[in-house]
């Protein structure tokens, strides 16, 4: 009985050690990807900040709401660009952003543009309308892909097929902190800046502000999408690294506990054998 028990424990130790090797490897891969993802976020942020400032100034100049991108309209249908991961084992990363997106869509006629395999799987199972699954891999999405999505969405917006565009993603705060967030890409709404900024200092656009917006807005929306993708990818790697580090620590603790149980079981087996030998010798006497 004791021998069988020690064999089971040894088998369990080997199993946990194998799992620990996998989690350690995944932690190292996630750490490597996280470094590159952080560099991409830091490189992209200044461009998108400048783009945001340009769009704000253009919206302030269009006080008569002559542009379709600035004009207010009744929201009958909303397009949600939802960004999550392509795979699991990243703690609560996917679950948190998908739950957040579902809450935003509640009570709305929502059209979903999924970026990330988990998004397509999640919303297709729940009966949401998916416009396209062409860009379902978040890791392989580049700037030109973001611009393609933006061109498609802005064309639908101008045609009146959708009335607002929102981007749901995970904001990268630090390696330990990632928070779900959303951006309202269209219609352009800079109400605070419109009240704070003086009307006397306005920019002149040639040939006209409306034509400039028609060219710049798709790039602006594409920039927002790409920026959100970089933030989300860095968040995913940070969450996966944290999850795999915790899993490795738990596996190490389990191995220590199992080694202690193994030593106790082996000591008990040795004690039992000695007792049986002594008992047998006493019986022969």
Protein backbone atom coordinates (compact mmCIF):
# COMPACT_ATOMS: atom_id res chain seq x y z
CA UNK A 1 0.00 0.00 0.00
CA UNK A 2 2.76 2.42 0.97
CA UNK A 3 4.78 1.48 -2.14
CA UNK A 4 1.77 2.11 -4.38
CA UNK A 5 1.20 5.44 -2.65
CA UNK A 6 4.80 6.62 -3.28
CA UNK A 7 4.52 5.62 -6.96
CA UNK A 8 1.36 7.71 -7.34
CA UNK A 9 3.07 10.70 -5.72
CA UNK A 10 6.16 10.34 -7.95
CA UNK A 11 3.92 10.16 -11.02
CA UNK A 12 2.07 13.28 -9.84
CA UNK A 13 5.38 15.14 -9.28
CA UNK A 14 6.54 14.34 -12.83
CA UNK A 15 3.19 15.54 -14.21
CA UNK A 16 3.39 18.86 -12.36
CA UNK A 17 7.03 19.31 -13.41
CA UNK A 18 6.03 18.85 -17.06
CA UNK A 19 3.27 21.43 -16.66
CA UNK A 20 5.71 23.81 -14.99
CA UNK A 21 8.10 23.53 -17.95
CA UNK A 22 5.28 24.56 -20.29
CA UNK A 23 4.18 27.53 -18.15
CA UNK A 24 7.80 28.69 -17.79
CA UNK A 25 8.27 28.55 -21.57
CA UNK A 26 5.02 30.45 -22.15
CA UNK A 27 6.08 33.06 -19.58
CA UNK A 28 9.38 33.61 -21.44
CA UNK A 29 7.61 33.88 -24.81
CA UNK A 30 5.09 36.35 -23.40
CA UNK A 31 7.90 38.42 -21.85
CA UNK A 32 9.69 38.60 -25.20
CA UNK A 33 6.51 39.60 -27.05
CA UNK A 34 5.63 42.11 -24.32
CA UNK A 35 8.91 43.98 -24.79
CA UNK A 36 8.26 44.35 -28.52
CA UNK A 37 4.60 45.25 -27.95
CA UNK A 38 5.55 47.99 -25.46
CA UNK A 39 7.99 49.46 -28.00
CA UNK A 40 5.24 49.47 -30.62
CA UNK A 41 2.82 51.23 -28.26
CA UNK A 42 5.40 53.87 -27.32
CA UNK A 43 6.24 54.43 -31.00
CA UNK A 44 2.61 54.71 -32.09
CA UNK A 45 1.27 57.02 -29.35
CA UNK A 46 2.88 60.32 -30.54
CA UNK A 47 1.45 59.86 -34.05
CA UNK A 48 -2.06 59.24 -32.78
CA UNK A 49 -1.84 62.14 -30.34
CA UNK A 50 -0.96 64.49 -33.20
CA UNK A 51 -3.74 62.99 -35.33
CA UNK A 52 -6.24 63.54 -32.51
CA UNK A 53 -5.18 67.19 -32.16
CA UNK A 54 -5.60 67.71 -35.91
CA UNK A 55 -9.11 66.25 -35.86
CA UNK A 56 -10.04 68.35 -32.82
CA UNK A 57 -8.97 71.55 -34.57
CA UNK A 58 -10.88 70.57 -37.72
CA UNK A 59 -14.05 69.81 -35.73
CA UNK A 60 -13.77 73.14 -33.91
CA UNK A 61 -13.53 74.92 -37.28
CA UNK A 62 -16.70 73.16 -38.46
CA UNK A 63 -19.12 74.86 -36.06
CA UNK A 64 -21.96 74.74 -38.58
CA UNK A 65 -21.83 70.88 -38.64
CA UNK A 66 -21.67 70.87 -42.48
CA UNK A 67 -19.54 67.71 -42.46
CA UNK A 68 -21.30 64.35 -42.13
CA UNK A 69 -18.61 63.28 -39.68
CA UNK A 70 -19.42 66.13 -37.29
CA UNK A 71 -23.20 66.44 -37.76
CA UNK A 72 -25.36 65.00 -35.00
CA UNK A 73 -27.77 62.22 -35.91
CA UNK A 74 -30.08 59.75 -34.22
CA UNK A 75 -28.25 56.53 -33.38
CA UNK A 76 -30.22 53.66 -34.92
CA UNK A 77 -27.33 51.26 -35.53
CA UNK A 78 -23.92 51.13 -33.85
CA UNK A 79 -20.75 49.52 -35.17
CA UNK A 80 -18.45 48.07 -32.50
CA UNK A 81 -14.85 47.22 -33.35
CA UNK A 82 -14.04 44.76 -30.55
CA UNK A 83 -10.42 43.75 -29.98
CA UNK A 84 -9.43 40.69 -27.91
CA UNK A 85 -6.91 37.84 -28.15
CA UNK A 86 -6.41 34.96 -30.54
CA UNK A 87 -5.90 32.39 -27.78
CA UNK A 88 -6.52 31.88 -24.09
CA UNK A 89 -4.26 31.31 -21.05
CA UNK A 90 -4.08 35.07 -20.43
CA UNK A 91 -5.89 35.32 -17.12
CA UNK A 92 -9.04 37.45 -17.35
CA UNK A 93 -7.88 39.45 -20.40
CA UNK A 94 -10.39 38.08 -22.92
CA UNK A 95 -13.27 37.66 -20.48
CA UNK A 96 -12.97 41.22 -19.15
CA UNK A 97 -12.98 43.01 -22.51
CA UNK A 98 -15.75 40.81 -23.95
CA UNK A 99 -17.93 41.37 -20.90
CA UNK A 100 -17.29 45.11 -21.13
CA UNK A 101 -18.23 45.13 -24.83
CA UNK A 102 -21.44 43.18 -24.13
CA UNK A 103 -22.46 45.75 -21.52
CA UNK A 104 -21.89 48.60 -24.00
CA UNK A 105 -24.01 46.83 -26.65
CA UNK A 106 -26.92 46.15 -24.31
CA UNK A 107 -30.13 47.60 -25.73
CA UNK A 108 -28.46 48.67 -29.01
CA UNK A 109 -28.75 47.48 -32.58
CA UNK A 110 -25.11 46.41 -32.73
CA UNK A 111 -22.89 45.42 -35.63
CA UNK A 112 -19.65 43.73 -34.53
CA UNK A 113 -16.32 43.91 -36.37
CA UNK A 114 -14.21 41.31 -34.54
CA UNK A 115 -10.44 41.57 -34.22
CA UNK A 116 -9.14 38.47 -32.49
CA UNK A 117 -10.40 34.89 -32.75
CA UNK A 118 -11.97 34.98 -29.29
CA UNK A 119 -14.22 37.89 -30.32
CA UNK A 120 -15.67 36.07 -33.33
CA UNK A 121 -16.28 32.91 -31.32
CA UNK A 122 -17.89 34.79 -28.43
CA UNK A 123 -20.33 36.98 -30.37
CA UNK A 124 -21.25 34.41 -33.05
CA UNK A 125 -22.37 32.02 -30.28
CA UNK A 126 -24.58 34.76 -28.85
CA UNK A 127 -26.26 35.61 -32.14
CA UNK A 128 -24.72 39.04 -32.77
CA UNK A 129 -24.37 40.32 -36.33
CA UNK A 130 -20.73 40.04 -37.48
CA UNK A 131 -19.94 42.27 -40.45
CA UNK A 132 -16.67 40.57 -41.43
CA UNK A 133 -14.26 38.01 -40.02
CA UNK A 134 -11.46 38.94 -42.43
CA UNK A 135 -9.42 40.55 -39.66
CA UNK A 136 -10.06 37.96 -36.97
CA UNK A 137 -6.37 37.57 -36.01
CA UNK A 138 -5.29 40.41 -33.72
CA UNK A 139 -1.58 39.51 -33.71
CA UNK A 140 -1.30 39.70 -37.50
CA UNK A 141 -3.14 43.01 -37.93
CA UNK A 142 -1.00 45.83 -39.30
CA UNK A 143 -1.53 49.53 -40.00
CA UNK A 144 -2.75 48.97 -43.57
CA UNK A 145 -5.34 46.49 -42.27
CA UNK A 146 -6.56 49.09 -39.76
CA UNK A 147 -6.91 51.60 -42.61
CA UNK A 148 -8.90 49.05 -44.67
CA UNK A 149 -11.31 48.57 -41.75
CA UNK A 150 -11.57 52.35 -41.33
CA UNK A 151 -12.33 52.90 -45.04
CA UNK A 152 -15.07 50.27 -44.87
CA UNK A 153 -16.63 51.74 -41.71
CA UNK A 154 -16.47 55.38 -42.79
CA UNK A 155 -18.09 54.47 -46.13
CA UNK A 156 -20.92 52.77 -44.23
CA UNK A 157 -21.19 55.81 -41.95
CA UNK A 158 -21.46 58.24 -44.86
CA UNK A 159 -24.08 56.00 -46.49
CA UNK A 160 -26.19 56.05 -43.32
CA UNK A 161 -25.89 52.28 -42.70
CA UNK A 162 -24.39 52.92 -39.26
CA UNK A 163 -24.76 55.97 -37.02
CA UNK A 164 -21.78 55.63 -34.69
CA UNK A 165 -18.47 53.78 -34.54
CA UNK A 166 -17.01 52.63 -31.22
CA UNK A 167 -13.75 50.81 -30.55
CA UNK A 168 -13.60 48.45 -27.55
CA UNK A 169 -10.11 47.43 -26.46
CA UNK A 170 -7.88 46.90 -23.42
CA UNK A 171 -5.75 49.81 -22.30
CA UNK A 172 -2.19 48.92 -21.33
CA UNK A 173 -1.41 50.65 -18.03
CA UNK A 174 1.47 48.49 -16.84
CA UNK A 175 2.64 44.87 -16.92
CA UNK A 176 0.35 44.17 -13.97
CA UNK A 177 -2.59 46.41 -14.87
CA UNK A 178 -4.76 46.30 -18.00
CA UNK A 179 -8.22 47.87 -18.11
CA UNK A 180 -11.04 47.51 -20.70
CA UNK A 181 -11.87 50.80 -22.38
CA UNK A 182 -13.73 52.21 -25.39
CA UNK A 183 -13.30 55.05 -27.87
CA UNK A 184 -16.08 56.79 -29.76
CA UNK A 185 -14.51 57.24 -33.20
CA UNK A 186 -17.55 58.71 -35.03
CA UNK A 187 -19.32 61.06 -35.00
CA UNK A 188 -16.54 63.46 -34.08
CA UNK A 189 -17.40 64.92 -30.70
CA UNK A 190 -15.13 67.47 -29.09
CA UNK A 191 -17.80 69.29 -27.08
CA UNK A 192 -15.43 70.25 -24.24
CA UNK A 193 -12.88 71.67 -26.66
CA UNK A 194 -15.63 73.52 -28.56
CA UNK A 195 -16.63 75.37 -25.38
CA UNK A 196 -13.10 75.95 -24.10
CA UNK A 197 -11.43 76.99 -27.37
CA UNK A 198 -12.01 80.61 -28.55
CA UNK A 199 -13.84 81.06 -31.83
CA UNK A 200 -11.57 83.85 -33.09
CA UNK A 201 -8.54 81.66 -33.79
CA UNK A 202 -9.61 79.20 -36.49
CA UNK A 203 -7.67 77.35 -39.16
CA UNK A 204 -8.41 77.89 -42.85
CA UNK A 205 -8.57 74.71 -44.95
CA UNK A 206 -8.06 74.51 -48.71
CA UNK A 207 -10.06 73.60 -50.76
CA UNK A 208 -12.53 73.32 -47.86
CA UNK A 209 -12.71 71.90 -44.37
CA UNK A 210 -15.37 69.35 -45.43
CA UNK A 211 -13.14 67.96 -48.20
CA UNK A 212 -10.19 67.82 -45.82
CA UNK A 213 -12.27 65.86 -43.31
CA UNK A 214 -13.35 63.40 -46.03
CA UNK A 215 -9.69 62.54 -46.56
CA UNK A 216 -8.40 62.74 -42.99
CA UNK A 217 -11.23 61.08 -41.05
CA UNK A 218 -10.69 57.55 -42.49
CA UNK A 219 -7.01 57.85 -41.56
CA UNK A 220 -8.02 59.12 -38.13
CA UNK A 221 -10.34 56.15 -37.53
CA UNK A 222 -7.68 53.76 -38.87
CA UNK A 223 -5.17 55.31 -36.51
CA UNK A 224 -7.51 54.84 -33.55
CA UNK A 225 -8.06 51.18 -34.49
CA UNK A 226 -4.34 50.49 -34.89
CA UNK A 227 -3.55 52.29 -31.64
CA UNK A 228 -6.19 50.22 -29.84
CA UNK A 229 -4.76 47.01 -31.36
CA UNK A 230 -1.24 47.84 -30.13
CA UNK A 231 -2.58 48.63 -26.65
CA UNK A 232 -4.63 45.41 -26.59
CA UNK A 233 -1.77 43.21 -27.80
CA UNK A 234 0.57 44.61 -25.14
CA UNK A 235 -2.18 44.07 -22.55
CA UNK A 236 -2.65 40.47 -23.67
CA UNK A 237 1.06 39.68 -23.35
CA UNK A 238 1.22 41.37 -19.96
CA UNK A 239 -1.80 39.40 -18.73
CA UNK A 240 -0.41 36.13 -20.13
CA UNK A 241 3.00 36.71 -18.57
CA UNK A 242 1.39 37.39 -15.17
CA UNK A 243 -0.88 34.34 -15.48
CA UNK A 244 1.97 32.00 -16.50
CA UNK A 245 4.22 33.36 -13.74
CA UNK A 246 1.46 32.66 -11.19
CA UNK A 247 0.93 29.18 -12.67
CA UNK A 248 4.67 28.43 -12.44
CA UNK A 249 4.75 29.61 -8.81
CA UNK A 250 1.73 27.44 -7.99
CA UNK A 251 3.35 24.44 -9.69
CA UNK A 252 6.54 25.01 -7.68
CA UNK A 253 4.50 25.10 -4.46
CA UNK A 254 2.68 21.89 -5.46
CA UNK A 255 5.99 20.13 -6.17
CA UNK A 256 7.31 21.12 -2.72
CA UNK A 257 4.15 19.81 -1.05
CA UNK A 258 4.28 16.58 -3.06
CA UNK A 259 7.96 16.03 -2.22
CA UNK A 260 7.10 16.45 1.44
CA UNK A 261 4.26 13.90 1.11
CA UNK A 262 6.59 11.55 -0.79
CA UNK A 263 9.25 11.70 1.94
CA UNK A 264 6.63 11.10 4.62
CA UNK A 265 5.17 8.14 2.70
CA UNK A 266 8.63 6.65 2.13
CA UNK A 267 9.51 7.13 5.81
CA UNK A 268 6.25 5.45 6.79
CA UNK A 269 6.99 2.54 4.44
CA UNK A 270 10.49 2.08 5.90
CA UNK A 271 9.11 2.22 9.45
CA UNK A 272 6.46 -0.35 8.57
CA UNK A 273 9.04 -2.71 7.05
CA UNK A 274 11.29 -2.41 10.11
CA UNK A 275 8.34 -3.08 12.38
CA UNK A 276 7.45 -6.20 10.39
CA UNK A 277 11.07 -7.45 10.52
CA UNK A 278 11.31 -6.91 14.27
CA UNK A 279 7.92 -8.56 14.81
CA UNK A 280 8.99 -11.54 12.71
CA UNK A 281 12.28 -11.90 14.64
CA UNK A 282 10.45 -11.73 17.95
CA UNK A 283 8.03 -14.41 16.78
CA UNK A 284 10.89 -16.76 15.83
CA UNK A 285 12.38 -16.39 19.32
